[in-house]
């Protein structure tokens, strides 16, 4: 006959770990899994009412970070990452240089809020500082579509919006779902890099990045599918530097975000889809 005390302990132990796994699933993404209401848009201006955003607001800055298992090189093999100073960056790319400089000297490197808003603010502020006016003023008219102005195209691409109407369909497909990287590349202000190029060491400091945990959900966003079952787990941030092991092999990257994941290097296994853009401004 089974020991009732032992059975009870086993049941309690199983329940404990089941609850823990549920909590990790709930809080392990940059964004909430709940879509914003139809017609709502995160921080963008003058966008068609039928456009929805697949990434939701984060109301407060997290006070605790849930550890994600590291499946690549052990932590002890990580070398101390070098965050490039402004002298390390090519002067031909002043905005990228200024983004890194602003981050380095900021007294609030993890401001909380939505990752999209934080990364965009860092880019817009640096552009304003270097050029004396907003980035929107320099967006080429060639970005415009029959339905959207260059500013609207830029904001829709930046937020990886999703839609089914004809206006949204005029957004260039090759830049959809690629967030800040797609928006900037669409404006001709940077060179787009996919995951293969990113992890081969081609990113420059100050490069905006957009990543997705699930490849199928990313593809759905590119197609414009607005479905509550789609959970894109997107994250937007700024690349700072690579992390290498003792053999000089790239095993991670350091980045600046709103405080969600900047406590540790990101690993190739953290996300299924990676996009970045080397600024040329």
Protein backbone atom coordinates (compact mmCIF):
# COMPACT_ATOMS: atom_id res chain seq x y z
CA UNK A 1 0.00 0.00 0.00
CA UNK A 2 1.27 3.50 -0.90
CA UNK A 3 2.47 5.73 1.90
CA UNK A 4 -0.16 8.58 2.14
CA UNK A 5 2.38 11.03 3.63
CA UNK A 6 4.88 10.41 0.83
CA UNK A 7 2.13 10.77 -1.81
CA UNK A 8 1.02 14.07 -0.30
CA UNK A 9 4.58 15.43 -0.34
CA UNK A 10 5.03 14.40 -3.97
CA UNK A 11 1.77 16.11 -4.94
CA UNK A 12 2.76 19.30 -3.15
CA UNK A 13 6.21 19.26 -4.77
CA UNK A 14 4.64 18.84 -8.25
CA UNK A 15 2.14 21.66 -7.60
CA UNK A 16 4.93 23.99 -6.48
CA UNK A 17 6.96 23.57 -9.66
CA UNK A 18 3.84 23.76 -11.85
CA UNK A 19 3.01 27.15 -10.32
CA UNK A 20 6.58 28.32 -10.79
CA UNK A 21 6.51 27.42 -14.47
CA UNK A 22 3.24 29.30 -14.93
CA UNK A 23 4.69 32.44 -13.35
CA UNK A 24 7.74 32.32 -15.58
CA UNK A 25 5.52 32.00 -18.65
CA UNK A 26 3.50 35.02 -17.56
CA UNK A 27 6.40 37.37 -16.94
CA UNK A 28 9.20 36.28 -19.26
CA UNK A 29 8.48 38.66 -22.16
CA UNK A 30 9.03 42.31 -22.92
CA UNK A 31 5.34 42.78 -23.58
CA UNK A 32 2.06 41.52 -22.26
CA UNK A 33 0.47 38.70 -24.25
CA UNK A 34 -2.77 40.68 -24.42
CA UNK A 35 -3.28 42.76 -27.57
CA UNK A 36 -4.29 46.39 -27.25
CA UNK A 37 -7.85 47.26 -28.19
CA UNK A 38 -8.75 47.60 -31.87
CA UNK A 39 -7.87 51.07 -33.04
CA UNK A 40 -5.18 51.67 -30.39
CA UNK A 41 -1.61 52.40 -31.34
CA UNK A 42 1.45 52.64 -29.10
CA UNK A 43 2.98 56.16 -29.26
CA UNK A 44 2.47 56.56 -33.01
CA UNK A 45 0.65 59.55 -34.48
CA UNK A 46 -1.99 59.89 -37.17
CA UNK A 47 -2.17 56.17 -37.92
CA UNK A 48 -5.32 54.65 -39.45
CA UNK A 49 -7.88 53.55 -36.86
CA UNK A 50 -7.98 49.98 -38.15
CA UNK A 51 -4.34 49.35 -37.31
CA UNK A 52 -3.53 47.38 -34.18
CA UNK A 53 -0.30 46.89 -32.32
CA UNK A 54 0.79 43.38 -31.40
CA UNK A 55 2.90 44.57 -28.47
CA UNK A 56 1.21 45.93 -25.36
CA UNK A 57 2.27 48.48 -22.78
CA UNK A 58 4.33 47.48 -19.75
CA UNK A 59 2.74 49.61 -17.00
CA UNK A 60 5.59 49.58 -14.50
CA UNK A 61 9.25 48.73 -14.32
CA UNK A 62 9.85 45.24 -12.98
CA UNK A 63 11.62 45.12 -9.62
CA UNK A 64 12.72 41.52 -10.09
CA UNK A 65 14.02 39.73 -13.16
CA UNK A 66 13.15 36.09 -13.76
CA UNK A 67 16.28 34.21 -14.71
CA UNK A 68 16.17 32.53 -18.13
CA UNK A 69 18.29 29.37 -18.37
CA UNK A 70 21.49 29.94 -20.33
CA UNK A 71 22.01 27.07 -22.76
CA UNK A 72 25.19 28.36 -24.40
CA UNK A 73 28.58 28.92 -22.78
CA UNK A 74 28.66 28.82 -18.95
CA UNK A 75 28.53 32.20 -17.24
CA UNK A 76 32.05 31.86 -15.85
CA UNK A 77 33.46 31.79 -19.38
CA UNK A 78 31.98 35.15 -20.30
CA UNK A 79 34.62 37.80 -20.61
CA UNK A 80 33.95 41.28 -19.25
CA UNK A 81 32.18 43.07 -22.11
CA UNK A 82 33.68 46.31 -23.37
CA UNK A 83 31.09 49.00 -24.04
CA UNK A 84 32.62 51.14 -26.74
CA UNK A 85 33.28 54.75 -25.93
CA UNK A 86 32.58 57.51 -28.40
CA UNK A 87 36.25 57.45 -29.43
CA UNK A 88 35.85 53.83 -30.54
CA UNK A 89 33.04 54.64 -32.95
CA UNK A 90 33.56 55.87 -36.47
CA UNK A 91 32.83 59.62 -36.69
CA UNK A 92 31.00 58.91 -39.95
CA UNK A 93 28.08 57.63 -37.86
CA UNK A 94 27.44 60.46 -35.36
CA UNK A 95 23.94 59.40 -34.30
CA UNK A 96 25.09 55.88 -33.38
CA UNK A 97 27.99 57.47 -31.52
CA UNK A 98 25.64 59.81 -29.63
CA UNK A 99 23.20 57.02 -28.70
CA UNK A 100 25.99 55.09 -26.99
CA UNK A 101 27.42 58.23 -25.39
CA UNK A 102 24.02 59.24 -23.98
CA UNK A 103 23.56 55.77 -22.52
CA UNK A 104 27.03 55.67 -20.99
CA UNK A 105 26.59 58.97 -19.19
CA UNK A 106 22.93 58.54 -18.25
CA UNK A 107 22.02 58.38 -14.58
CA UNK A 108 18.93 56.31 -15.44
CA UNK A 109 19.93 53.50 -17.78
CA UNK A 110 16.77 51.47 -17.07
CA UNK A 111 13.84 53.92 -17.22
CA UNK A 112 11.09 51.28 -17.35
CA UNK A 113 8.02 51.58 -19.56
CA UNK A 114 7.60 50.04 -23.01
CA UNK A 115 10.72 48.85 -24.81
CA UNK A 116 9.57 50.41 -28.11
CA UNK A 117 9.11 53.83 -26.55
CA UNK A 118 12.46 53.71 -24.74
CA UNK A 119 14.48 52.68 -27.81
CA UNK A 120 12.73 55.23 -29.99
CA UNK A 121 13.36 58.02 -27.51
CA UNK A 122 17.06 57.19 -27.45
CA UNK A 123 17.24 57.31 -31.24
CA UNK A 124 15.19 60.50 -31.65
CA UNK A 125 17.11 62.35 -28.92
CA UNK A 126 20.49 61.45 -30.43
CA UNK A 127 19.34 62.49 -33.91
CA UNK A 128 18.07 65.83 -32.59
CA UNK A 129 21.36 66.45 -30.80
CA UNK A 130 23.46 65.70 -33.87
CA UNK A 131 21.34 67.35 -36.57
CA UNK A 132 19.46 70.06 -34.69
CA UNK A 133 16.05 68.86 -35.82
CA UNK A 134 13.75 65.82 -35.74
CA UNK A 135 14.45 62.68 -37.71
CA UNK A 136 10.98 63.06 -39.27
CA UNK A 137 12.13 66.15 -41.14
CA UNK A 138 14.71 64.08 -43.03
CA UNK A 139 12.51 61.12 -43.95
CA UNK A 140 12.51 60.80 -47.77
CA UNK A 141 9.27 61.46 -49.60
CA UNK A 142 9.83 58.19 -51.45
CA UNK A 143 8.74 56.40 -48.25
CA UNK A 144 5.18 57.64 -48.68
CA UNK A 145 2.46 55.34 -49.95
CA UNK A 146 -0.97 56.07 -51.39
CA UNK A 147 -2.36 55.95 -47.84
CA UNK A 148 0.52 56.96 -45.56
CA UNK A 149 2.92 59.86 -45.22
CA UNK A 150 6.63 59.08 -44.62
CA UNK A 151 6.10 59.72 -40.90
CA UNK A 152 3.18 57.30 -40.76
CA UNK A 153 5.12 54.64 -42.63
CA UNK A 154 8.06 55.08 -40.25
CA UNK A 155 5.86 54.85 -37.13
CA UNK A 156 3.88 51.84 -38.36
CA UNK A 157 7.03 49.94 -39.22
CA UNK A 158 8.72 50.93 -35.97
CA UNK A 159 5.82 49.60 -33.89
CA UNK A 160 5.44 46.44 -36.03
CA UNK A 161 1.75 47.19 -36.40
CA UNK A 162 -0.64 44.65 -37.83
CA UNK A 163 -3.61 45.20 -40.13
CA UNK A 164 -5.73 43.90 -42.99
CA UNK A 165 -6.94 47.09 -44.70
CA UNK A 166 -5.50 48.37 -47.95
CA UNK A 167 -3.64 51.19 -46.24
CA UNK A 168 -1.60 48.87 -44.05
CA UNK A 169 -0.96 46.57 -47.01
CA UNK A 170 0.97 49.39 -48.70
CA UNK A 171 3.71 49.13 -46.06
CA UNK A 172 6.79 47.53 -47.65
CA UNK A 173 6.66 43.84 -46.81
CA UNK A 174 10.44 43.45 -46.55
CA UNK A 175 10.47 45.86 -43.59
CA UNK A 176 7.34 44.65 -41.72
CA UNK A 177 7.82 43.03 -38.31
CA UNK A 178 11.38 44.34 -38.11
CA UNK A 179 10.55 47.19 -35.75
CA UNK A 180 13.09 49.98 -35.36
CA UNK A 181 15.52 48.21 -37.70
CA UNK A 182 12.93 47.99 -40.47
CA UNK A 183 11.76 51.58 -40.06
CA UNK A 184 15.28 53.02 -40.19
CA UNK A 185 16.34 50.81 -43.11
CA UNK A 186 13.18 51.79 -44.98
CA UNK A 187 14.23 55.45 -44.62
CA UNK A 188 17.64 54.64 -46.11
CA UNK A 189 19.33 55.61 -42.84
CA UNK A 190 20.92 52.24 -42.10
CA UNK A 191 21.86 48.79 -43.36
CA UNK A 192 19.55 45.95 -42.27
CA UNK A 193 21.15 42.85 -40.75
CA UNK A 194 19.52 39.47 -40.15
CA UNK A 195 20.39 37.02 -37.40
CA UNK A 196 23.19 35.34 -39.34
CA UNK A 197 24.98 38.63 -39.93
CA UNK A 198 24.34 39.80 -36.37
CA UNK A 199 25.93 36.72 -34.80
CA UNK A 200 28.85 36.80 -37.21
CA UNK A 201 29.91 40.06 -35.57
CA UNK A 202 28.72 42.66 -38.10
CA UNK A 203 26.73 44.90 -35.74
CA UNK A 204 28.15 48.30 -34.78
CA UNK A 205 27.57 49.92 -31.35
CA UNK A 206 24.42 52.04 -31.29
CA UNK A 207 22.54 49.74 -33.70
CA UNK A 208 18.77 49.52 -33.01
CA UNK A 209 17.45 45.95 -32.80
CA UNK A 210 14.13 44.08 -32.91
CA UNK A 211 13.79 40.41 -31.93
CA UNK A 212 11.00 37.82 -31.68
CA UNK A 213 10.77 34.61 -29.66
CA UNK A 214 8.48 32.74 -32.05
CA UNK A 215 9.20 32.57 -35.78
CA UNK A 216 5.65 31.64 -36.77
CA UNK A 217 4.17 34.54 -34.83
CA UNK A 218 6.69 36.88 -36.44
CA UNK A 219 5.60 35.65 -39.86
CA UNK A 220 1.97 36.25 -38.91
CA UNK A 221 2.78 39.85 -37.95
CA UNK A 222 4.47 40.36 -41.33
CA UNK A 223 1.31 39.09 -43.02
CA UNK A 224 -0.85 41.47 -40.97
CA UNK A 225 -2.77 38.86 -39.00
CA UNK A 226 -4.47 40.28 -35.90
CA UNK A 227 -5.30 37.25 -33.80
CA UNK A 228 -5.43 37.10 -29.99
CA UNK A 229 -3.80 33.66 -30.23
CA UNK A 230 -0.66 35.23 -31.68
CA UNK A 231 1.88 36.02 -28.98
CA UNK A 232 4.86 37.67 -30.69
CA UNK A 233 7.12 38.20 -27.62
CA UNK A 234 8.85 41.03 -29.44
CA UNK A 235 11.58 43.10 -27.85
CA UNK A 236 13.19 46.35 -28.99
CA UNK A 237 16.56 47.66 -27.77
CA UNK A 238 19.95 49.19 -28.66
CA UNK A 239 23.06 47.09 -29.30
CA UNK A 240 26.13 48.08 -27.26
CA UNK A 241 28.79 45.41 -27.72
CA UNK A 242 29.48 41.71 -28.25
CA UNK A 243 30.50 39.32 -25.49
CA UNK A 244 33.25 36.83 -26.34
CA UNK A 245 34.68 33.77 -24.64
CA UNK A 246 38.35 33.03 -23.94
CA UNK A 247 38.79 31.95 -27.58
CA UNK A 248 37.37 35.26 -28.86
CA UNK A 249 34.20 33.56 -30.08
CA UNK A 250 31.00 35.63 -29.91
CA UNK A 251 28.66 34.07 -27.37
CA UNK A 252 26.40 36.97 -26.41
CA UNK A 253 25.69 40.65 -26.74
CA UNK A 254 25.18 43.56 -24.37
CA UNK A 255 22.29 45.90 -24.99
CA UNK A 256 20.35 48.84 -23.59
CA UNK A 257 16.63 48.46 -23.03
CA UNK A 258 14.09 49.69 -20.48
CA UNK A 259 15.38 47.28 -17.83
CA UNK A 260 13.69 44.06 -18.90
CA UNK A 261 16.72 42.03 -19.96
CA UNK A 262 19.73 44.33 -19.73
CA UNK A 263 20.89 42.63 -16.51
CA UNK A 264 22.71 39.94 -18.52
CA UNK A 265 24.10 39.31 -22.01
CA UNK A 266 21.61 38.07 -24.58
CA UNK A 267 22.35 34.68 -26.13
CA UNK A 268 21.55 33.41 -29.65
CA UNK A 269 19.07 30.96 -28.12
CA UNK A 270 17.05 33.70 -26.41
CA UNK A 271 15.13 34.60 -29.57
CA UNK A 272 14.19 32.88 -32.83
CA UNK A 273 14.21 35.98 -35.04
CA UNK A 274 16.85 38.72 -34.92
CA UNK A 275 16.96 42.02 -36.83
CA UNK A 276 19.36 44.91 -36.45
CA UNK A 277 20.37 48.00 -38.40
CA UNK A 278 23.78 49.63 -38.60
CA UNK A 279 23.10 53.36 -38.63
CA UNK A 280 24.54 55.43 -41.46
CA UNK A 281 23.51 58.76 -39.93
